[in-house]
Amino acid sequence: MRQAFLILLVLVVFFLLRRKSTPRARRRAPGDDRPERMVECARCGVNLPISESIRARGRYYCSEDHRERDA
């Protein structure tokens, strides 16, 4: 019985530490349930959230590589 309790305790501590070390997704303000604006990459045409895009010269890109290639 004592061994089972120790194993359970170790597992609980492990999961709590793991949960704290995992980065959480960016949270929006409470009550802000509006969808995020999507933009299209000027190079390849993929759609992505504006927060993940790279803006240069008034255009949006999905990666730094595409921004440099479209210069």
PDB file of N, CA and C in Angstrom:
ATOM      1  N   MET A   1       0.829  -1.192   0.000  1.00  0.00           N
ATOM      2  CA  MET A   1       0.000   0.000   0.000  1.00  0.00           C
ATOM      3  C   MET A   1       0.871   1.252   0.000  1.00  0.00           C
ATOM      4  N   ARG A   2       1.946   1.230   0.762  1.00  0.00           N
ATOM      5  CA  ARG A   2       2.827   2.381   0.844  1.00  0.00           C
ATOM      6  C   ARG A   2       3.502   2.651  -0.504  1.00  0.00           C
ATOM      7  N   GLN A   3       3.880   1.592  -1.210  1.00  0.00           N
ATOM      8  CA  GLN A   3       4.523   1.747  -2.510  1.00  0.00           C
ATOM      9  C   GLN A   3       3.555   2.358  -3.523  1.00  0.00           C
ATOM     10  N   ALA A   4       2.313   1.930  -3.511  1.00  0.00           N
ATOM     11  CA  ALA A   4       1.308   2.476  -4.424  1.00  0.00           C
ATOM     12  C   ALA A   4       1.106   3.966  -4.155  1.00  0.00           C
ATOM     13  N   PHE A   5       1.078   4.365  -2.907  1.00  0.00           N
ATOM     14  CA  PHE A   5       0.928   5.769  -2.554  1.00  0.00           C
ATOM     15  C   PHE A   5       2.126   6.586  -3.051  1.00  0.00           C
ATOM     16  N   LEU A   6       3.325   6.076  -2.888  1.00  0.00           N
ATOM     17  CA  LEU A   6       4.525   6.779  -3.344  1.00  0.00           C
ATOM     18  C   LEU A   6       4.549   6.916  -4.864  1.00  0.00           C
ATOM     19  N   ILE A   7       4.162   5.873  -5.558  1.00  0.00           N
ATOM     20  CA  ILE A   7       4.098   5.931  -7.023  1.00  0.00           C
ATOM     21  C   ILE A   7       3.081   6.968  -7.470  1.00  0.00           C
ATOM     22  N   LEU A   8       1.923   6.975  -6.844  1.00  0.00           N
ATOM     23  CA  LEU A   8       0.887   7.954  -7.165  1.00  0.00           C
ATOM     24  C   LEU A   8       1.377   9.370  -6.889  1.00  0.00           C
ATOM     25  N   LEU A   9       2.055   9.570  -5.777  1.00  0.00           N
ATOM     26  CA  LEU A   9       2.590  10.879  -5.434  1.00  0.00           C
ATOM     27  C   LEU A   9       3.619  11.352  -6.453  1.00  0.00           C
ATOM     28  N   VAL A  10       4.498  10.471  -6.869  1.00  0.00           N
ATOM     29  CA  VAL A  10       5.514  10.810  -7.873  1.00  0.00           C
ATOM     30  C   VAL A  10       4.843  11.175  -9.199  1.00  0.00           C
ATOM     31  N   LEU A  11       3.839  10.446  -9.607  1.00  0.00           N
ATOM     32  CA  LEU A  11       3.126  10.746 -10.851  1.00  0.00           C
ATOM     33  C   LEU A  11       2.431  12.107 -10.800  1.00  0.00           C
ATOM     34  N   VAL A  12       1.795  12.402  -9.680  1.00  0.00           N
ATOM     35  CA  VAL A  12       1.116  13.695  -9.531  1.00  0.00           C
ATOM     36  C   VAL A  12       2.124  14.837  -9.629  1.00  0.00           C
ATOM     37  N   VAL A  13       3.244  14.716  -8.946  1.00  0.00           N
ATOM     38  CA  VAL A  13       4.278  15.755  -8.993  1.00  0.00           C
ATOM     39  C   VAL A  13       4.821  15.892 -10.417  1.00  0.00           C
ATOM     40  N   PHE A  14       5.066  14.771 -11.084  1.00  0.00           N
ATOM     41  CA  PHE A  14       5.565  14.790 -12.455  1.00  0.00           C
ATOM     42  C   PHE A  14       4.613  15.547 -13.383  1.00  0.00           C
ATOM     43  N   PHE A  15       3.318  15.220 -13.325  1.00  0.00           N
ATOM     44  CA  PHE A  15       2.352  15.876 -14.201  1.00  0.00           C
ATOM     45  C   PHE A  15       2.181  17.360 -13.864  1.00  0.00           C
ATOM     46  N   LEU A  16       2.256  17.715 -12.605  1.00  0.00           N
ATOM     47  CA  LEU A  16       2.156  19.132 -12.243  1.00  0.00           C
ATOM     48  C   LEU A  16       3.355  19.920 -12.758  1.00  0.00           C
ATOM     49  N   LEU A  17       4.551  19.367 -12.632  1.00  0.00           N
ATOM     50  CA  LEU A  17       5.741  20.049 -13.142  1.00  0.00           C
ATOM     51  C   LEU A  17       5.729  20.129 -14.657  1.00  0.00           C
ATOM     52  N   ARG A  18       5.286  19.087 -15.290  1.00  0.00           N
ATOM     53  CA  ARG A  18       5.214  19.074 -16.754  1.00  0.00           C
ATOM     54  C   ARG A  18       4.210  20.107 -17.258  1.00  0.00           C
ATOM     55  N   ARG A  19       3.109  20.221 -16.551  1.00  0.00           N
ATOM     56  CA  ARG A  19       2.072  21.175 -16.945  1.00  0.00           C
ATOM     57  C   ARG A  19       2.574  22.609 -16.824  1.00  0.00           C
ATOM     58  N   LYS A  20       3.344  22.908 -15.788  1.00  0.00           N
ATOM     59  CA  LYS A  20       3.879  24.258 -15.602  1.00  0.00           C
ATOM     60  C   LYS A  20       4.924  24.608 -16.646  1.00  0.00           C
ATOM     61  N   SER A  21       5.711  23.641 -17.087  1.00  0.00           N
ATOM     62  CA  SER A  21       6.794  23.923 -18.020  1.00  0.00           C
ATOM     63  C   SER A  21       6.325  24.015 -19.466  1.00  0.00           C
ATOM     64  N   THR A  22       5.120  23.547 -19.771  1.00  0.00           N
ATOM     65  CA  THR A  22       4.595  23.605 -21.129  1.00  0.00           C
ATOM     66  C   THR A  22       4.079  25.012 -21.418  1.00  0.00           C
ATOM     67  N   PRO A  23       4.592  25.661 -22.487  1.00  0.00           N
ATOM     68  CA  PRO A  23       4.097  26.999 -22.790  1.00  0.00           C
ATOM     69  C   PRO A  23       2.638  26.954 -23.233  1.00  0.00           C
ATOM     70  N   ARG A  24       1.895  27.892 -22.761  1.00  0.00           N
ATOM     71  CA  ARG A  24       0.480  27.950 -23.125  1.00  0.00           C
ATOM     72  C   ARG A  24       0.295  28.825 -24.347  1.00  0.00           C
ATOM     73  N   ALA A  25      -0.745  28.536 -25.080  1.00  0.00           N
ATOM     74  CA  ALA A  25      -1.064  29.336 -26.251  1.00  0.00           C
ATOM     75  C   ALA A  25      -1.423  30.755 -25.819  1.00  0.00           C
ATOM     76  N   ARG A  26      -1.171  31.687 -26.704  1.00  0.00           N
ATOM     77  CA  ARG A  26      -1.494  33.081 -26.386  1.00  0.00           C
ATOM     78  C   ARG A  26      -2.987  33.204 -26.130  1.00  0.00           C
ATOM     79  N   ARG A  27      -3.316  33.776 -24.996  1.00  0.00           N
ATOM     80  CA  ARG A  27      -4.728  33.908 -24.632  1.00  0.00           C
ATOM     81  C   ARG A  27      -5.228  35.295 -24.986  1.00  0.00           C
ATOM     82  N   ARG A  28      -6.464  35.334 -25.416  1.00  0.00           N
ATOM     83  CA  ARG A  28      -7.108  36.614 -25.695  1.00  0.00           C
ATOM     84  C   ARG A  28      -7.798  37.116 -24.441  1.00  0.00           C
ATOM     85  N   ALA A  29      -8.194  38.335 -24.480  1.00  0.00           N
ATOM     86  CA  ALA A  29      -8.904  38.927 -23.357  1.00  0.00           C
ATOM     87  C   ALA A  29     -10.234  38.204 -23.163  1.00  0.00           C
ATOM     88  N   PRO A  30     -10.679  38.063 -21.911  1.00  0.00           N
ATOM     89  CA  PRO A  30     -11.965  37.402 -21.665  1.00  0.00           C
ATOM     90  C   PRO A  30     -13.093  38.110 -22.399  1.00  0.00           C
ATOM     91  N   GLY A  31     -13.951  37.337 -23.002  1.00  0.00           N
ATOM     92  CA  GLY A  31     -15.084  37.905 -23.725  1.00  0.00           C
ATOM     93  C   GLY A  31     -14.768  38.250 -25.160  1.00  0.00           C
ATOM     94  N   ASP A  32     -13.507  38.134 -25.560  1.00  0.00           N
ATOM     95  CA  ASP A  32     -13.116  38.446 -26.931  1.00  0.00           C
ATOM     96  C   ASP A  32     -13.154  37.159 -27.744  1.00  0.00           C
ATOM     97  N   ASP A  33     -14.330  36.813 -28.239  1.00  0.00           N
ATOM     98  CA  ASP A  33     -14.480  35.565 -28.972  1.00  0.00           C
ATOM     99  C   ASP A  33     -14.542  35.777 -30.482  1.00  0.00           C
ATOM    100  N   ARG A  34     -14.087  36.941 -30.911  1.00  0.00           N
ATOM    101  CA  ARG A  34     -14.059  37.218 -32.341  1.00  0.00           C
ATOM    102  C   ARG A  34     -12.944  36.416 -33.015  1.00  0.00           C
ATOM    103  N   PRO A  35     -13.175  35.916 -34.219  1.00  0.00           N
ATOM    104  CA  PRO A  35     -12.112  35.202 -34.923  1.00  0.00           C
ATOM    105  C   PRO A  35     -11.001  36.168 -35.342  1.00  0.00           C
ATOM    106  N   GLU A  36      -9.791  35.664 -35.413  1.00  0.00           N
ATOM    107  CA  GLU A  36      -8.658  36.497 -35.809  1.00  0.00           C
ATOM    108  C   GLU A  36      -8.672  36.684 -37.323  1.00  0.00           C
ATOM    109  N   ARG A  37      -8.277  37.851 -37.758  1.00  0.00           N
ATOM    110  CA  ARG A  37      -8.232  38.175 -39.189  1.00  0.00           C
ATOM    111  C   ARG A  37      -7.192  37.302 -39.887  1.00  0.00           C
ATOM    112  N   MET A  38      -7.567  36.764 -41.045  1.00  0.00           N
ATOM    113  CA  MET A  38      -6.674  35.936 -41.840  1.00  0.00           C
ATOM    114  C   MET A  38      -6.151  36.763 -43.014  1.00  0.00           C
ATOM    115  N   VAL A  39      -4.884  36.522 -43.372  1.00  0.00           N
ATOM    116  CA  VAL A  39      -4.275  37.202 -44.511  1.00  0.00           C
ATOM    117  C   VAL A  39      -3.643  36.157 -45.421  1.00  0.00           C
ATOM    118  N   GLU A  40      -3.367  36.558 -46.645  1.00  0.00           N
ATOM    119  CA  GLU A  40      -2.797  35.658 -47.636  1.00  0.00           C
ATOM    120  C   GLU A  40      -1.348  36.026 -47.900  1.00  0.00           C
ATOM    121  N   CYS A  41      -0.488  35.016 -47.953  1.00  0.00           N
ATOM    122  CA  CYS A  41       0.927  35.242 -48.254  1.00  0.00           C
ATOM    123  C   CYS A  41       1.037  35.763 -49.682  1.00  0.00           C
ATOM    124  N   ALA A  42       1.779  36.848 -49.866  1.00  0.00           N
ATOM    125  CA  ALA A  42       1.937  37.449 -51.186  1.00  0.00           C
ATOM    126  C   ALA A  42       2.761  36.564 -52.115  1.00  0.00           C
ATOM    127  N   ARG A  43       3.522  35.646 -51.574  1.00  0.00           N
ATOM    128  CA  ARG A  43       4.391  34.772 -52.380  1.00  0.00           C
ATOM    129  C   ARG A  43       3.694  33.469 -52.778  1.00  0.00           C
ATOM    130  N   CYS A  44       3.164  32.732 -51.810  1.00  0.00           N
ATOM    131  CA  CYS A  44       2.624  31.399 -52.105  1.00  0.00           C
ATOM    132  C   CYS A  44       1.101  31.305 -52.004  1.00  0.00           C
ATOM    133  N   GLY A  45       0.462  32.302 -51.412  1.00  0.00           N
ATOM    134  CA  GLY A  45      -0.990  32.319 -51.346  1.00  0.00           C
ATOM    135  C   GLY A  45      -1.598  31.589 -50.170  1.00  0.00           C
ATOM    136  N   VAL A  46      -0.777  31.061 -49.255  1.00  0.00           N
ATOM    137  CA  VAL A  46      -1.327  30.361 -48.097  1.00  0.00           C
ATOM    138  C   VAL A  46      -2.002  31.366 -47.160  1.00  0.00           C
ATOM    139  N   ASN A  47      -3.113  30.960 -46.550  1.00  0.00           N
ATOM    140  CA  ASN A  47      -3.814  31.812 -45.590  1.00  0.00           C
ATOM    141  C   ASN A  47      -3.303  31.521 -44.192  1.00  0.00           C
ATOM    142  N   LEU A  48      -3.070  32.584 -43.414  1.00  0.00           N
ATOM    143  CA  LEU A  48      -2.594  32.426 -42.046  1.00  0.00           C
ATOM    144  C   LEU A  48      -3.107  33.583 -41.198  1.00  0.00           C
ATOM    145  N   PRO A  49      -3.175  33.392 -39.869  1.00  0.00           N
ATOM    146  CA  PRO A  49      -3.622  34.477 -38.992  1.00  0.00           C
ATOM    147  C   PRO A  49      -2.668  35.658 -39.084  1.00  0.00           C
ATOM    148  N   ILE A  50      -3.199  36.844 -38.993  1.00  0.00           N
ATOM    149  CA  ILE A  50      -2.382  38.044 -39.114  1.00  0.00           C
ATOM    150  C   ILE A  50      -1.296  38.113 -38.036  1.00  0.00           C
ATOM    151  N   SER A  51      -1.554  37.533 -36.866  1.00  0.00           N
ATOM    152  CA  SER A  51      -0.563  37.559 -35.789  1.00  0.00           C
ATOM    153  C   SER A  51       0.650  36.688 -36.106  1.00  0.00           C
ATOM    154  N   GLU A  52       0.518  35.735 -37.005  1.00  0.00           N
ATOM    155  CA  GLU A  52       1.622  34.849 -37.374  1.00  0.00           C
ATOM    156  C   GLU A  52       2.303  35.279 -38.664  1.00  0.00           C
ATOM    157  N   SER A  53       1.795  36.310 -39.310  1.00  0.00           N
ATOM    158  CA  SER A  53       2.347  36.747 -40.592  1.00  0.00           C
ATOM    159  C   SER A  53       3.474  37.756 -40.399  1.00  0.00           C
ATOM    160  N   ILE A  54       4.226  37.966 -41.474  1.00  0.00           N
ATOM    161  CA  ILE A  54       5.298  38.961 -41.501  1.00  0.00           C
ATOM    162  C   ILE A  54       4.875  40.009 -42.519  1.00  0.00           C
ATOM    163  N   ARG A  55       4.830  41.255 -42.087  1.00  0.00           N
ATOM    164  CA  ARG A  55       4.394  42.325 -42.973  1.00  0.00           C
ATOM    165  C   ARG A  55       5.595  43.119 -43.454  1.00  0.00           C
ATOM    166  N   ALA A  56       5.648  43.337 -44.757  1.00  0.00           N
ATOM    167  CA  ALA A  56       6.718  44.133 -45.350  1.00  0.00           C
ATOM    168  C   ALA A  56       6.175  44.821 -46.596  1.00  0.00           C
ATOM    169  N   ARG A  57       6.460  46.103 -46.719  1.00  0.00           N
ATOM    170  CA  ARG A  57       6.037  46.907 -47.861  1.00  0.00           C
ATOM    171  C   ARG A  57       4.535  46.774 -48.153  1.00  0.00           C
ATOM    172  N   GLY A  58       3.734  46.693 -47.091  1.00  0.00           N
ATOM    173  CA  GLY A  58       2.284  46.633 -47.235  1.00  0.00           C
ATOM    174  C   GLY A  58       1.746  45.279 -47.649  1.00  0.00           C
ATOM    175  N   ARG A  59       2.590  44.256 -47.664  1.00  0.00           N
ATOM    176  CA  ARG A  59       2.163  42.913 -48.040  1.00  0.00           C
ATOM    177  C   ARG A  59       2.445  41.958 -46.885  1.00  0.00           C
ATOM    178  N   TYR A  60       1.744  40.835 -46.863  1.00  0.00           N
ATOM    179  CA  TYR A  60       1.894  39.844 -45.798  1.00  0.00           C
ATOM    180  C   TYR A  60       2.577  38.599 -46.354  1.00  0.00           C
ATOM    181  N   TYR A  61       3.427  37.988 -45.510  1.00  0.00           N
ATOM    182  CA  TYR A  61       4.169  36.789 -45.895  1.00  0.00           C
ATOM    183  C   TYR A  61       4.048  35.736 -44.798  1.00  0.00           C
ATOM    184  N   CYS A  62       4.151  34.451 -45.200  1.00  0.00           N
ATOM    185  CA  CYS A  62       4.041  33.363 -44.240  1.00  0.00           C
ATOM    186  C   CYS A  62       5.381  33.044 -43.585  1.00  0.00           C
ATOM    187  N   SER A  63       6.485  33.478 -44.189  1.00  0.00           N
ATOM    188  CA  SER A  63       7.805  33.200 -43.621  1.00  0.00           C
ATOM    189  C   SER A  63       8.792  34.279 -44.048  1.00  0.00           C
ATOM    190  N   GLU A  64       9.895  34.332 -43.326  1.00  0.00           N
ATOM    191  CA  GLU A  64      10.952  35.290 -43.655  1.00  0.00           C
ATOM    192  C   GLU A  64      11.544  34.971 -45.026  1.00  0.00           C
ATOM    193  N   ASP A  65      11.632  33.690 -45.351  1.00  0.00           N
ATOM    194  CA  ASP A  65      12.171  33.263 -46.652  1.00  0.00           C
ATOM    195  C   ASP A  65      11.319  33.815 -47.796  1.00  0.00           C
ATOM    196  N   HIS A  66      10.008  33.727 -47.678  1.00  0.00           N
ATOM    197  CA  HIS A  66       9.136  34.240 -48.727  1.00  0.00           C
ATOM    198  C   HIS A  66       9.214  35.753 -48.823  1.00  0.00           C
ATOM    199  N   ARG A  67       9.374  36.430 -47.699  1.00  0.00           N
ATOM    200  CA  ARG A  67       9.525  37.878 -47.732  1.00  0.00           C
ATOM    201  C   ARG A  67      10.793  38.266 -48.494  1.00  0.00           C
ATOM    202  N   GLU A  68      11.891  37.561 -48.232  1.00  0.00           N
ATOM    203  CA  GLU A  68      13.156  37.869 -48.893  1.00  0.00           C
ATOM    204  C   GLU A  68      13.108  37.543 -50.383  1.00  0.00           C
ATOM    205  N   ARG A  69      12.475  36.448 -50.749  1.00  0.00           N
ATOM    206  CA  ARG A  69      12.395  36.057 -52.156  1.00  0.00           C
ATOM    207  C   ARG A  69      11.518  36.984 -52.978  1.00  0.00           C
ATOM    208  N   ASP A  70      10.563  37.611 -52.344  1.00  0.00           N
ATOM    209  CA  ASP A  70       9.629  38.486 -53.061  1.00  0.00           C
ATOM    210  C   ASP A  70      10.144  39.925 -53.149  1.00  0.00           C
ATOM    211  N   ALA A  71      11.345  40.177 -52.688  1.00  0.00           N
ATOM    212  CA  ALA A  71      11.878  41.549 -52.676  1.00  0.00           C
ATOM    213  C   ALA A  71      12.168  42.065 -54.059  1.00  0.00           C
TER     214      ALA A  71
END
